[in-house]
Amino acid sequence: MAVIVAADDEPAVRELISRILEGAGHTVITVHDGGAAIVRVRELRPDLILLDGLMPPGMSGFDAFAVLHDDDELSAIPVMIVTGSVTPDEVRRQLPDVCDVVTKPFTPDELLHCVRRMLGLPGPST
């Protein structure tokens, strides 16, 4: 399936995202802040990037998105903001080019639905 880089400052959230997405067959590389995400994205050229909006004391997901968006080689990789700090509308006002926003707390089904949609994958068989 897909290679996904996920950045969050909370170890429990990184573990949850990993478990959910790896359970769906994806390869997930987790990092603790936006700066580390940029490094891994440049190395791996993943299919999708998940960024927590705020990750103190490191680089925020908002700042990482700006760096990635300004890089011609990386700007085509879809980015999802996963945040509990601001509303999806606030994220879209601040980052109009972001692909999707998921708010914390999220359910496994919600995260998987958004990831599938962003990757252009079909939903689960019913």
PDB file of N, CA and C in Angstrom:
ATOM      1  N   MET A   1       0.837  -1.188   0.000  1.00  0.00           N
ATOM      2  CA  MET A   1       0.000   0.000   0.000  1.00  0.00           C
ATOM      3  C   MET A   1       0.878   1.246   0.000  1.00  0.00           C
ATOM      4  N   ALA A   2       0.569   2.231   0.852  1.00  0.00           N
ATOM      5  CA  ALA A   2       1.240   3.528   0.819  1.00  0.00           C
ATOM      6  C   ALA A   2       2.303   3.656   1.901  1.00  0.00           C
ATOM      7  N   VAL A   3       3.257   4.548   1.647  1.00  0.00           N
ATOM      8  CA  VAL A   3       4.235   4.964   2.651  1.00  0.00           C
ATOM      9  C   VAL A   3       3.756   6.310   3.180  1.00  0.00           C
ATOM     10  N   ILE A   4       3.636   6.402   4.510  1.00  0.00           N
ATOM     11  CA  ILE A   4       3.082   7.591   5.154  1.00  0.00           C
ATOM     12  C   ILE A   4       4.048   8.074   6.233  1.00  0.00           C
ATOM     13  N   VAL A   5       4.359   9.364   6.230  1.00  0.00           N
ATOM     14  CA  VAL A   5       5.123   9.993   7.309  1.00  0.00           C
ATOM     15  C   VAL A   5       4.123  10.719   8.193  1.00  0.00           C
ATOM     16  N   ALA A   6       4.158  10.414   9.499  1.00  0.00           N
ATOM     17  CA  ALA A   6       3.235  11.030  10.461  1.00  0.00           C
ATOM     18  C   ALA A   6       4.034  11.706  11.568  1.00  0.00           C
ATOM     19  N   ALA A   7       3.772  12.987  11.782  1.00  0.00           N
ATOM     20  CA  ALA A   7       4.468  13.754  12.815  1.00  0.00           C
ATOM     21  C   ALA A   7       3.492  14.180  13.897  1.00  0.00           C
ATOM     22  N   ASP A   8       3.835  13.841  15.142  1.00  0.00           N
ATOM     23  CA  ASP A   8       3.045  14.269  16.298  1.00  0.00           C
ATOM     24  C   ASP A   8       3.971  14.287  17.504  1.00  0.00           C
ATOM     25  N   ASP A   9       3.798  15.271  18.364  1.00  0.00           N
ATOM     26  CA  ASP A   9       4.668  15.368  19.541  1.00  0.00           C
ATOM     27  C   ASP A   9       4.261  14.411  20.651  1.00  0.00           C
ATOM     28  N   GLU A  10       3.090  13.818  20.568  1.00  0.00           N
ATOM     29  CA  GLU A  10       2.619  12.902  21.605  1.00  0.00           C
ATOM     30  C   GLU A  10       2.887  11.455  21.196  1.00  0.00           C
ATOM     31  N   PRO A  11       3.730  10.741  21.959  1.00  0.00           N
ATOM     32  CA  PRO A  11       4.044   9.347  21.621  1.00  0.00           C
ATOM     33  C   PRO A  11       2.804   8.464  21.492  1.00  0.00           C
ATOM     34  N   ALA A  12       1.813   8.674  22.343  1.00  0.00           N
ATOM     35  CA  ALA A  12       0.604   7.844  22.284  1.00  0.00           C
ATOM     36  C   ALA A  12      -0.154   8.056  20.979  1.00  0.00           C
ATOM     37  N   VAL A  13      -0.181   9.277  20.485  1.00  0.00           N
ATOM     38  CA  VAL A  13      -0.866   9.557  19.220  1.00  0.00           C
ATOM     39  C   VAL A  13      -0.085   8.954  18.063  1.00  0.00           C
ATOM     40  N   ARG A  14       1.255   9.069  18.105  1.00  0.00           N
ATOM     41  CA  ARG A  14       2.071   8.444  17.055  1.00  0.00           C
ATOM     42  C   ARG A  14       1.821   6.944  17.020  1.00  0.00           C
ATOM     43  N   GLU A  15       1.758   6.310  18.182  1.00  0.00           N
ATOM     44  CA  GLU A  15       1.515   4.869  18.252  1.00  0.00           C
ATOM     45  C   GLU A  15       0.129   4.524  17.717  1.00  0.00           C
ATOM     46  N   LEU A  16      -0.869   5.302  18.070  1.00  0.00           N
ATOM     47  CA  LEU A  16      -2.231   5.056  17.603  1.00  0.00           C
ATOM     48  C   LEU A  16      -2.316   5.174  16.077  1.00  0.00           C
ATOM     49  N   ILE A  17      -1.758   6.239  15.531  1.00  0.00           N
ATOM     50  CA  ILE A  17      -1.768   6.425  14.076  1.00  0.00           C
ATOM     51  C   ILE A  17      -1.066   5.257  13.396  1.00  0.00           C
ATOM     52  N   SER A  18       0.081   4.872  13.926  1.00  0.00           N
ATOM     53  CA  SER A  18       0.825   3.736  13.368  1.00  0.00           C
ATOM     54  C   SER A  18      -0.001   2.461  13.374  1.00  0.00           C
ATOM     55  N   ARG A  19      -0.586   2.169  14.510  1.00  0.00           N
ATOM     56  CA  ARG A  19      -1.370   0.937  14.636  1.00  0.00           C
ATOM     57  C   ARG A  19      -2.538   0.906  13.650  1.00  0.00           C
ATOM     58  N   ILE A  20      -3.256   2.010  13.570  1.00  0.00           N
ATOM     59  CA  ILE A  20      -4.415   2.081  12.676  1.00  0.00           C
ATOM     60  C   ILE A  20      -3.996   1.910  11.222  1.00  0.00           C
ATOM     61  N   LEU A  21      -2.998   2.678  10.800  1.00  0.00           N
ATOM     62  CA  LEU A  21      -2.626   2.677   9.387  1.00  0.00           C
ATOM     63  C   LEU A  21      -1.836   1.439   8.986  1.00  0.00           C
ATOM     64  N   GLU A  22      -0.979   0.942   9.863  1.00  0.00           N
ATOM     65  CA  GLU A  22      -0.261  -0.302   9.555  1.00  0.00           C
ATOM     66  C   GLU A  22      -1.229  -1.471   9.516  1.00  0.00           C
ATOM     67  N   GLY A  23      -2.265  -1.427  10.349  1.00  0.00           N
ATOM     68  CA  GLY A  23      -3.294  -2.462  10.319  1.00  0.00           C
ATOM     69  C   GLY A  23      -4.037  -2.501   8.999  1.00  0.00           C
ATOM     70  N   ALA A  24      -4.022  -1.382   8.281  1.00  0.00           N
ATOM     71  CA  ALA A  24      -4.662  -1.304   6.963  1.00  0.00           C
ATOM     72  C   ALA A  24      -3.662  -1.589   5.836  1.00  0.00           C
ATOM     73  N   GLY A  25      -2.441  -1.978   6.206  1.00  0.00           N
ATOM     74  CA  GLY A  25      -1.455  -2.373   5.212  1.00  0.00           C
ATOM     75  C   GLY A  25      -0.466  -1.314   4.783  1.00  0.00           C
ATOM     76  N   HIS A  26      -0.507  -0.135   5.397  1.00  0.00           N
ATOM     77  CA  HIS A  26       0.409   0.939   5.027  1.00  0.00           C
ATOM     78  C   HIS A  26       1.708   0.838   5.820  1.00  0.00           C
ATOM     79  N   THR A  27       2.757   1.430   5.296  1.00  0.00           N
ATOM     80  CA  THR A  27       4.018   1.585   6.017  1.00  0.00           C
ATOM     81  C   THR A  27       4.003   2.979   6.620  1.00  0.00           C
ATOM     82  N   VAL A  28       4.196   3.064   7.940  1.00  0.00           N
ATOM     83  CA  VAL A  28       4.110   4.354   8.631  1.00  0.00           C
ATOM     84  C   VAL A  28       5.439   4.654   9.310  1.00  0.00           C
ATOM     85  N   ILE A  29       5.977   5.834   9.030  1.00  0.00           N
ATOM     86  CA  ILE A  29       7.185   6.320   9.685  1.00  0.00           C
ATOM     87  C   ILE A  29       6.749   7.486  10.550  1.00  0.00           C
ATOM     88  N   THR A  30       6.954   7.362  11.863  1.00  0.00           N
ATOM     89  CA  THR A  30       6.528   8.427  12.767  1.00  0.00           C
ATOM     90  C   THR A  30       7.728   9.237  13.236  1.00  0.00           C
ATOM     91  N   VAL A  31       7.484  10.523  13.444  1.00  0.00           N
ATOM     92  CA  VAL A  31       8.491  11.452  13.949  1.00  0.00           C
ATOM     93  C   VAL A  31       7.836  12.378  14.968  1.00  0.00           C
ATOM     94  N   HIS A  32       8.664  13.084  15.735  1.00  0.00           N
ATOM     95  CA  HIS A  32       8.179  13.868  16.871  1.00  0.00           C
ATOM     96  C   HIS A  32       7.909  15.342  16.598  1.00  0.00           C
ATOM     97  N   ASP A  33       8.343  15.862  15.443  1.00  0.00           N
ATOM     98  CA  ASP A  33       8.054  17.263  15.147  1.00  0.00           C
ATOM     99  C   ASP A  33       8.161  17.534  13.650  1.00  0.00           C
ATOM    100  N   GLY A  34       7.829  18.750  13.270  1.00  0.00           N
ATOM    101  CA  GLY A  34       7.806  19.108  11.860  1.00  0.00           C
ATOM    102  C   GLY A  34       9.168  19.080  11.191  1.00  0.00           C
ATOM    103  N   GLY A  35      10.204  19.458  11.922  1.00  0.00           N
ATOM    104  CA  GLY A  35      11.551  19.426  11.356  1.00  0.00           C
ATOM    105  C   GLY A  35      11.967  18.013  10.990  1.00  0.00           C
ATOM    106  N   ALA A  36      11.695  17.077  11.883  1.00  0.00           N
ATOM    107  CA  ALA A  36      12.010  15.672  11.606  1.00  0.00           C
ATOM    108  C   ALA A  36      11.160  15.153  10.449  1.00  0.00           C
ATOM    109  N   ALA A  37       9.929  15.626  10.344  1.00  0.00           N
ATOM    110  CA  ALA A  37       9.065  15.215   9.225  1.00  0.00           C
ATOM    111  C   ALA A  37       9.664  15.658   7.897  1.00  0.00           C
ATOM    112  N   ILE A  38      10.143  16.886   7.844  1.00  0.00           N
ATOM    113  CA  ILE A  38      10.737  17.390   6.603  1.00  0.00           C
ATOM    114  C   ILE A  38      11.925  16.524   6.187  1.00  0.00           C
ATOM    115  N   VAL A  39      12.775  16.181   7.145  1.00  0.00           N
ATOM    116  CA  VAL A  39      13.941  15.325   6.858  1.00  0.00           C
ATOM    117  C   VAL A  39      13.495  13.992   6.277  1.00  0.00           C
ATOM    118  N   ARG A  40      12.516  13.344   6.923  1.00  0.00           N
ATOM    119  CA  ARG A  40      12.051  12.023   6.465  1.00  0.00           C
ATOM    120  C   ARG A  40      11.333  12.116   5.116  1.00  0.00           C
ATOM    121  N   VAL A  41      10.580  13.177   4.898  1.00  0.00           N
ATOM    122  CA  VAL A  41       9.892  13.353   3.619  1.00  0.00           C
ATOM    123  C   VAL A  41      10.914  13.516   2.497  1.00  0.00           C
ATOM    124  N   ARG A  42      11.956  14.282   2.743  1.00  0.00           N
ATOM    125  CA  ARG A  42      12.994  14.457   1.721  1.00  0.00           C
ATOM    126  C   ARG A  42      13.700  13.137   1.422  1.00  0.00           C
ATOM    127  N   GLU A  43      13.905  12.314   2.445  1.00  0.00           N
ATOM    128  CA  GLU A  43      14.563  11.015   2.258  1.00  0.00           C
ATOM    129  C   GLU A  43      13.672  10.018   1.535  1.00  0.00           C
ATOM    130  N   LEU A  44      12.400   9.947   1.928  1.00  0.00           N
ATOM    131  CA  LEU A  44      11.520   8.855   1.518  1.00  0.00           C
ATOM    132  C   LEU A  44      10.559   9.168   0.379  1.00  0.00           C
ATOM    133  N   ARG A  45      10.230  10.442   0.181  1.00  0.00           N
ATOM    134  CA  ARG A  45       9.213  10.817  -0.798  1.00  0.00           C
ATOM    135  C   ARG A  45       7.950   9.965  -0.594  1.00  0.00           C
ATOM    136  N   PRO A  46       7.309  10.091   0.574  1.00  0.00           N
ATOM    137  CA  PRO A  46       6.152   9.242   0.887  1.00  0.00           C
ATOM    138  C   PRO A  46       4.946   9.571   0.011  1.00  0.00           C
ATOM    139  N   ASP A  47       3.950   8.733   0.125  1.00  0.00           N
ATOM    140  CA  ASP A  47       2.704   8.936  -0.610  1.00  0.00           C
ATOM    141  C   ASP A  47       1.782   9.934   0.083  1.00  0.00           C
ATOM    142  N   LEU A  48       1.980  10.107   1.399  1.00  0.00           N
ATOM    143  CA  LEU A  48       1.107  10.962   2.206  1.00  0.00           C
ATOM    144  C   LEU A  48       1.866  11.432   3.434  1.00  0.00           C
ATOM    145  N   ILE A  49       1.545  12.647   3.886  1.00  0.00           N
ATOM    146  CA  ILE A  49       2.153  13.222   5.089  1.00  0.00           C
ATOM    147  C   ILE A  49       1.033  13.618   6.041  1.00  0.00           C
ATOM    148  N   LEU A  50       1.149  13.194   7.315  1.00  0.00           N
ATOM    149  CA  LEU A  50       0.230  13.621   8.369  1.00  0.00           C
ATOM    150  C   LEU A  50       1.023  14.489   9.332  1.00  0.00           C
ATOM    151  N   LEU A  51       0.525  15.691   9.600  1.00  0.00           N
ATOM    152  CA  LEU A  51       1.214  16.632  10.483  1.00  0.00           C
ATOM    153  C   LEU A  51       0.285  17.114  11.583  1.00  0.00           C
ATOM    154  N   ASP A  52       0.728  16.979  12.836  1.00  0.00           N
ATOM    155  CA  ASP A  52       0.026  17.617  13.942  1.00  0.00           C
ATOM    156  C   ASP A  52       0.210  19.125  13.771  1.00  0.00           C
ATOM    157  N   GLY A  53      -0.814  19.889  14.034  1.00  0.00           N
ATOM    158  CA  GLY A  53      -0.724  21.334  13.860  1.00  0.00           C
ATOM    159  C   GLY A  53       0.325  21.978  14.753  1.00  0.00           C
ATOM    160  N   LEU A  54       0.254  21.680  16.055  1.00  0.00           N
ATOM    161  CA  LEU A  54       1.189  22.255  17.022  1.00  0.00           C
ATOM    162  C   LEU A  54       1.993  21.137  17.664  1.00  0.00           C
ATOM    163  N   MET A  55       3.317  21.311  17.711  1.00  0.00           N
ATOM    164  CA  MET A  55       4.189  20.295  18.311  1.00  0.00           C
ATOM    165  C   MET A  55       5.293  20.966  19.120  1.00  0.00           C
ATOM    166  N   PRO A  56       4.930  21.600  20.240  1.00  0.00           N
ATOM    167  CA  PRO A  56       5.971  22.264  21.026  1.00  0.00           C
ATOM    168  C   PRO A  56       6.926  21.239  21.627  1.00  0.00           C
ATOM    169  N   PRO A  57       8.167  21.510  21.814  1.00  0.00           N
ATOM    170  CA  PRO A  57       8.841  22.767  21.466  1.00  0.00           C
ATOM    171  C   PRO A  57       9.413  22.761  20.056  1.00  0.00           C
ATOM    172  N   GLY A  58       9.193  21.705  19.282  1.00  0.00           N
ATOM    173  CA  GLY A  58       9.758  21.605  17.936  1.00  0.00           C
ATOM    174  C   GLY A  58       8.969  22.383  16.909  1.00  0.00           C
ATOM    175  N   MET A  59       9.346  22.197  15.645  1.00  0.00           N
ATOM    176  CA  MET A  59       8.665  22.874  14.540  1.00  0.00           C
ATOM    177  C   MET A  59       7.233  22.359  14.426  1.00  0.00           C
ATOM    178  N   SER A  60       6.306  23.273  14.293  1.00  0.00           N
ATOM    179  CA  SER A  60       4.893  22.894  14.189  1.00  0.00           C
ATOM    180  C   SER A  60       4.595  22.276  12.828  1.00  0.00           C
ATOM    181  N   GLY A  61       3.469  21.598  12.757  1.00  0.00           N
ATOM    182  CA  GLY A  61       3.017  21.063  11.490  1.00  0.00           C
ATOM    183  C   GLY A  61       2.659  22.170  10.511  1.00  0.00           C
ATOM    184  N   PHE A  62       2.159  23.279  11.034  1.00  0.00           N
ATOM    185  CA  PHE A  62       1.830  24.417  10.178  1.00  0.00           C
ATOM    186  C   PHE A  62       3.097  24.951   9.496  1.00  0.00           C
ATOM    187  N   ASP A  63       4.174  25.093  10.285  1.00  0.00           N
ATOM    188  CA  ASP A  63       5.438  25.572   9.714  1.00  0.00           C
ATOM    189  C   ASP A  63       6.034  24.550   8.755  1.00  0.00           C
ATOM    190  N   ALA A  64       5.949  23.274   9.106  1.00  0.00           N
ATOM    191  CA  ALA A  64       6.466  22.223   8.226  1.00  0.00           C
ATOM    192  C   ALA A  64       5.705  22.212   6.906  1.00  0.00           C
ATOM    193  N   PHE A  65       4.381  22.384   6.971  1.00  0.00           N
ATOM    194  CA  PHE A  65       3.587  22.434   5.749  1.00  0.00           C
ATOM    195  C   PHE A  65       4.078  23.549   4.837  1.00  0.00           C
ATOM    196  N   ALA A  66       4.355  24.713   5.406  1.00  0.00           N
ATOM    197  CA  ALA A  66       4.814  25.849   4.601  1.00  0.00           C
ATOM    198  C   ALA A  66       6.127  25.514   3.895  1.00  0.00           C
ATOM    199  N   VAL A  67       7.048  24.866   4.603  1.00  0.00           N
ATOM    200  CA  VAL A  67       8.334  24.485   4.002  1.00  0.00           C
ATOM    201  C   VAL A  67       8.110  23.476   2.883  1.00  0.00           C
ATOM    202  N   LEU A  68       7.297  22.460   3.141  1.00  0.00           N
ATOM    203  CA  LEU A  68       7.032  21.424   2.138  1.00  0.00           C
ATOM    204  C   LEU A  68       6.306  22.000   0.928  1.00  0.00           C
ATOM    205  N   HIS A  69       5.360  22.878   1.185  1.00  0.00           N
ATOM    206  CA  HIS A  69       4.572  23.475   0.110  1.00  0.00           C
ATOM    207  C   HIS A  69       5.442  24.341  -0.800  1.00  0.00           C
ATOM    208  N   ASP A  70       6.466  24.977  -0.242  1.00  0.00           N
ATOM    209  CA  ASP A  70       7.348  25.850  -1.024  1.00  0.00           C
ATOM    210  C   ASP A  70       8.437  25.084  -1.768  1.00  0.00           C
ATOM    211  N   ASP A  71       8.557  23.773  -1.532  1.00  0.00           N
ATOM    212  CA  ASP A  71       9.575  22.946  -2.181  1.00  0.00           C
ATOM    213  C   ASP A  71       8.956  22.300  -3.419  1.00  0.00           C
ATOM    214  N   ASP A  72       9.429  22.690  -4.596  1.00  0.00           N
ATOM    215  CA  ASP A  72       8.837  22.192  -5.847  1.00  0.00           C
ATOM    216  C   ASP A  72       8.855  20.671  -5.945  1.00  0.00           C
ATOM    217  N   GLU A  73       9.840  20.013  -5.356  1.00  0.00           N
ATOM    218  CA  GLU A  73       9.947  18.563  -5.432  1.00  0.00           C
ATOM    219  C   GLU A  73       9.005  17.853  -4.453  1.00  0.00           C
ATOM    220  N   LEU A  74       8.543  18.548  -3.439  1.00  0.00           N
ATOM    221  CA  LEU A  74       7.737  17.916  -2.393  1.00  0.00           C
ATOM    222  C   LEU A  74       6.300  18.427  -2.343  1.00  0.00           C
ATOM    223  N   SER A  75       6.023  19.510  -3.000  1.00  0.00           N
ATOM    224  CA  SER A  75       4.713  20.155  -2.842  1.00  0.00           C
ATOM    225  C   SER A  75       3.552  19.332  -3.393  1.00  0.00           C
ATOM    226  N   ALA A  76       3.824  18.356  -4.239  1.00  0.00           N
ATOM    227  CA  ALA A  76       2.748  17.532  -4.795  1.00  0.00           C
ATOM    228  C   ALA A  76       2.313  16.411  -3.848  1.00  0.00           C
ATOM    229  N   ILE A  77       3.087  16.155  -2.787  1.00  0.00           N
ATOM    230  CA  ILE A  77       2.717  15.109  -1.833  1.00  0.00           C
ATOM    231  C   ILE A  77       1.559  15.621  -0.985  1.00  0.00           C
ATOM    232  N   PRO A  78       0.446  14.879  -0.925  1.00  0.00           N
ATOM    233  CA  PRO A  78      -0.695  15.353  -0.138  1.00  0.00           C
ATOM    234  C   PRO A  78      -0.376  15.407   1.355  1.00  0.00           C
ATOM    235  N   VAL A  79      -0.913  16.430   2.006  1.00  0.00           N
ATOM    236  CA  VAL A  79      -0.691  16.651   3.431  1.00  0.00           C
ATOM    237  C   VAL A  79      -2.029  16.720   4.152  1.00  0.00           C
ATOM    238  N   MET A  80      -2.117  15.982   5.251  1.00  0.00           N
ATOM    239  CA  MET A  80      -3.278  16.026   6.132  1.00  0.00           C
ATOM    240  C   MET A  80      -2.814  16.627   7.464  1.00  0.00           C
ATOM    241  N   ILE A  81      -3.536  17.624   7.945  1.00  0.00           N
ATOM    242  CA  ILE A  81      -3.268  18.177   9.272  1.00  0.00           C
ATOM    243  C   ILE A  81      -4.158  17.425  10.263  1.00  0.00           C
ATOM    244  N   VAL A  82      -3.535  16.913  11.332  1.00  0.00           N
ATOM    245  CA  VAL A  82      -4.245  16.210  12.402  1.00  0.00           C
ATOM    246  C   VAL A  82      -4.068  17.080  13.642  1.00  0.00           C
ATOM    247  N   THR A  83      -5.156  17.692  14.112  1.00  0.00           N
ATOM    248  CA  THR A  83      -4.996  18.676  15.175  1.00  0.00           C
ATOM    249  C   THR A  83      -6.153  18.675  16.159  1.00  0.00           C
ATOM    250  N   GLY A  84      -5.840  19.023  17.369  1.00  0.00           N
ATOM    251  CA  GLY A  84      -6.854  19.226  18.387  1.00  0.00           C
ATOM    252  C   GLY A  84      -6.854  20.666  18.845  1.00  0.00           C
ATOM    253  N   SER A  85      -5.997  21.476  18.242  1.00  0.00           N
ATOM    254  CA  SER A  85      -5.817  22.843  18.729  1.00  0.00           C
ATOM    255  C   SER A  85      -6.639  23.884  17.995  1.00  0.00           C
ATOM    256  N   VAL A  86      -7.018  23.608  16.755  1.00  0.00           N
ATOM    257  CA  VAL A  86      -7.803  24.567  15.986  1.00  0.00           C
ATOM    258  C   VAL A  86      -8.846  23.817  15.173  1.00  0.00           C
ATOM    259  N   THR A  87      -9.841  24.540  14.695  1.00  0.00           N
ATOM    260  CA  THR A  87     -10.902  23.909  13.912  1.00  0.00           C
ATOM    261  C   THR A  87     -10.429  23.698  12.472  1.00  0.00           C
ATOM    262  N   PRO A  88     -11.076  22.777  11.754  1.00  0.00           N
ATOM    263  CA  PRO A  88     -10.726  22.590  10.347  1.00  0.00           C
ATOM    264  C   PRO A  88     -10.845  23.881   9.534  1.00  0.00           C
ATOM    265  N   ASP A  89     -11.854  24.701   9.813  1.00  0.00           N
ATOM    266  CA  ASP A  89     -12.006  25.963   9.077  1.00  0.00           C
ATOM    267  C   ASP A  89     -10.833  26.904   9.336  1.00  0.00           C
ATOM    268  N   GLU A  90     -10.357  26.942  10.594  1.00  0.00           N
ATOM    269  CA  GLU A  90      -9.204  27.787  10.911  1.00  0.00           C
ATOM    270  C   GLU A  90      -7.954  27.292  10.182  1.00  0.00           C
ATOM    271  N   VAL A  91      -7.782  25.975  10.111  1.00  0.00           N
ATOM    272  CA  VAL A  91      -6.632  25.417   9.387  1.00  0.00           C
ATOM    273  C   VAL A  91      -6.720  25.816   7.920  1.00  0.00           C
ATOM    274  N   ARG A  92      -7.878  25.660   7.325  1.00  0.00           N
ATOM    275  CA  ARG A  92      -8.033  25.968   5.894  1.00  0.00           C
ATOM    276  C   ARG A  92      -7.849  27.462   5.604  1.00  0.00           C
ATOM    277  N   ARG A  93      -8.214  28.322   6.558  1.00  0.00           N
ATOM    278  CA  ARG A  93      -7.958  29.756   6.378  1.00  0.00           C
ATOM    279  C   ARG A  93      -6.462  30.036   6.423  1.00  0.00           C
ATOM    280  N   GLN A  94      -5.756  29.365   7.348  1.00  0.00           N
ATOM    281  CA  GLN A  94      -4.319  29.577   7.507  1.00  0.00           C
ATOM    282  C   GLN A  94      -3.528  28.884   6.395  1.00  0.00           C
ATOM    283  N   LEU A  95      -3.978  27.690   5.994  1.00  0.00           N
ATOM    284  CA  LEU A  95      -3.283  26.890   4.987  1.00  0.00           C
ATOM    285  C   LEU A  95      -4.277  26.472   3.897  1.00  0.00           C
ATOM    286  N   PRO A  96      -4.619  27.367   3.002  1.00  0.00           N
ATOM    287  CA  PRO A  96      -5.662  27.040   2.023  1.00  0.00           C
ATOM    288  C   PRO A  96      -5.307  25.871   1.106  1.00  0.00           C
ATOM    289  N   ASP A  97      -4.031  25.533   0.973  1.00  0.00           N
ATOM    290  CA  ASP A  97      -3.631  24.447   0.081  1.00  0.00           C
ATOM    291  C   ASP A  97      -3.521  23.093   0.775  1.00  0.00           C
ATOM    292  N   VAL A  98      -3.821  23.035   2.079  1.00  0.00           N
ATOM    293  CA  VAL A  98      -3.771  21.749   2.773  1.00  0.00           C
ATOM    294  C   VAL A  98      -4.845  20.838   2.184  1.00  0.00           C
ATOM    295  N   CYS A  99      -4.541  19.553   2.097  1.00  0.00           N
ATOM    296  CA  CYS A  99      -5.465  18.612   1.453  1.00  0.00           C
ATOM    297  C   CYS A  99      -6.648  18.227   2.333  1.00  0.00           C
ATOM    298  N   ASP A 100      -6.404  18.006   3.623  1.00  0.00           N
ATOM    299  CA  ASP A 100      -7.480  17.563   4.505  1.00  0.00           C
ATOM    300  C   ASP A 100      -7.115  17.881   5.942  1.00  0.00           C
ATOM    301  N   VAL A 101      -8.116  17.885   6.802  1.00  0.00           N
ATOM    302  CA  VAL A 101      -7.922  18.153   8.225  1.00  0.00           C
ATOM    303  C   VAL A 101      -8.719  17.123   9.012  1.00  0.00           C
ATOM    304  N   VAL A 102      -8.078  16.505  10.005  1.00  0.00           N
ATOM    305  CA  VAL A 102      -8.740  15.587  10.927  1.00  0.00           C
ATOM    306  C   VAL A 102      -8.543  16.150  12.318  1.00  0.00           C
ATOM    307  N   THR A 103      -9.626  16.243  13.083  1.00  0.00           N
ATOM    308  CA  THR A 103      -9.511  16.787  14.430  1.00  0.00           C
ATOM    309  C   THR A 103      -9.388  15.673  15.459  1.00  0.00           C
ATOM    310  N   LYS A 104      -8.586  15.965  16.472  1.00  0.00           N
ATOM    311  CA  LYS A 104      -8.423  15.056  17.606  1.00  0.00           C
ATOM    312  C   LYS A 104      -9.520  15.361  18.614  1.00  0.00           C
ATOM    313  N   PRO A 105     -10.049  14.377  19.268  1.00  0.00           N
ATOM    314  CA  PRO A 105      -9.776  12.956  19.072  1.00  0.00           C
ATOM    315  C   PRO A 105     -10.497  12.454  17.824  1.00  0.00           C
ATOM    316  N   PHE A 106      -9.856  11.530  17.125  1.00  0.00           N
ATOM    317  CA  PHE A 106     -10.437  10.946  15.928  1.00  0.00           C
ATOM    318  C   PHE A 106     -10.685   9.460  16.168  1.00  0.00           C
ATOM    319  N   THR A 107     -11.570   8.895  15.383  1.00  0.00           N
ATOM    320  CA  THR A 107     -11.810   7.458  15.466  1.00  0.00           C
ATOM    321  C   THR A 107     -10.945   6.766  14.414  1.00  0.00           C
ATOM    322  N   PRO A 108     -10.639   5.496  14.612  1.00  0.00           N
ATOM    323  CA  PRO A 108      -9.884   4.773  13.581  1.00  0.00           C
ATOM    324  C   PRO A 108     -10.570   4.831  12.215  1.00  0.00           C
ATOM    325  N   ASP A 109     -11.887   4.662  12.188  1.00  0.00           N
ATOM    326  CA  ASP A 109     -12.612   4.705  10.924  1.00  0.00           C
ATOM    327  C   ASP A 109     -12.492   6.066  10.243  1.00  0.00           C
ATOM    328  N   GLU A 110     -12.554   7.132  11.022  1.00  0.00           N
ATOM    329  CA  GLU A 110     -12.435   8.477  10.464  1.00  0.00           C
ATOM    330  C   GLU A 110     -11.057   8.675   9.831  1.00  0.00           C
ATOM    331  N   LEU A 111      -9.998   8.278  10.553  1.00  0.00           N
ATOM    332  CA  LEU A 111      -8.647   8.426  10.032  1.00  0.00           C
ATOM    333  C   LEU A 111      -8.469   7.595   8.764  1.00  0.00           C
ATOM    334  N   LEU A 112      -8.910   6.341   8.802  1.00  0.00           N
ATOM    335  CA  LEU A 112      -8.771   5.479   7.631  1.00  0.00           C
ATOM    336  C   LEU A 112      -9.551   6.016   6.431  1.00  0.00           C
ATOM    337  N   HIS A 113     -10.744   6.513   6.671  1.00  0.00           N
ATOM    338  CA  HIS A 113     -11.557   7.074   5.582  1.00  0.00           C
ATOM    339  C   HIS A 113     -10.817   8.230   4.906  1.00  0.00           C
ATOM    340  N   CYS A 114     -10.284   9.137   5.706  1.00  0.00           N
ATOM    341  CA  CYS A 114      -9.576  10.295   5.149  1.00  0.00           C
ATOM    342  C   CYS A 114      -8.312   9.870   4.405  1.00  0.00           C
ATOM    343  N   VAL A 115      -7.572   8.932   4.973  1.00  0.00           N
ATOM    344  CA  VAL A 115      -6.347   8.462   4.318  1.00  0.00           C
ATOM    345  C   VAL A 115      -6.689   7.785   2.996  1.00  0.00           C
ATOM    346  N   ARG A 116      -7.685   6.926   2.993  1.00  0.00           N
ATOM    347  CA  ARG A 116      -8.098   6.258   1.743  1.00  0.00           C
ATOM    348  C   ARG A 116      -8.496   7.285   0.679  1.00  0.00           C
ATOM    349  N   ARG A 117      -9.270   8.267   1.101  1.00  0.00           N
ATOM    350  CA  ARG A 117      -9.725   9.302   0.155  1.00  0.00           C
ATOM    351  C   ARG A 117      -8.528  10.067  -0.418  1.00  0.00           C
ATOM    352  N   MET A 118      -7.582  10.433   0.439  1.00  0.00           N
ATOM    353  CA  MET A 118      -6.440  11.205  -0.014  1.00  0.00           C
ATOM    354  C   MET A 118      -5.533  10.402  -0.929  1.00  0.00           C
ATOM    355  N   LEU A 119      -5.485   9.098  -0.727  1.00  0.00           N
ATOM    356  CA  LEU A 119      -4.646   8.228  -1.555  1.00  0.00           C
ATOM    357  C   LEU A 119      -5.395   7.702  -2.780  1.00  0.00           C
ATOM    358  N   GLY A 120      -6.680   8.011  -2.885  1.00  0.00           N
ATOM    359  CA  GLY A 120      -7.468   7.531  -3.998  1.00  0.00           C
ATOM    360  C   GLY A 120      -7.746   6.054  -3.940  1.00  0.00           C
ATOM    361  N   LEU A 121      -7.820   5.515  -2.721  1.00  0.00           N
ATOM    362  CA  LEU A 121      -8.069   4.085  -2.528  1.00  0.00           C
ATOM    363  C   LEU A 121      -9.557   3.851  -2.267  1.00  0.00           C
ATOM    364  N   PRO A 122     -10.063   2.694  -2.664  1.00  0.00           N
ATOM    365  CA  PRO A 122     -11.467   2.376  -2.374  1.00  0.00           C
ATOM    366  C   PRO A 122     -11.679   2.141  -0.887  1.00  0.00           C
ATOM    367  N   GLY A 123     -12.898   2.337  -0.450  1.00  0.00           N
ATOM    368  CA  GLY A 123     -13.254   2.053   0.943  1.00  0.00           C
ATOM    369  C   GLY A 123     -13.303   0.561   1.177  1.00  0.00           C
ATOM    370  N   PRO A 124     -13.525   0.166   2.435  1.00  0.00           N
ATOM    371  CA  PRO A 124     -13.580  -1.248   2.747  1.00  0.00           C
ATOM    372  C   PRO A 124     -14.796  -1.912   2.104  1.00  0.00           C
ATOM    373  N   SER A 125     -14.668  -3.178   1.788  1.00  0.00           N
ATOM    374  CA  SER A 125     -15.802  -3.936   1.237  1.00  0.00           C
ATOM    375  C   SER A 125     -16.836  -4.140   2.310  1.00  0.00           C
ATOM    376  N   THR A 126     -18.093  -4.040   1.939  1.00  0.00           N
ATOM    377  CA  THR A 126     -19.154  -4.239   2.922  1.00  0.00           C
ATOM    378  C   THR A 126     -19.989  -5.434   2.569  1.00  0.00           C
TER     379      THR A 126
END
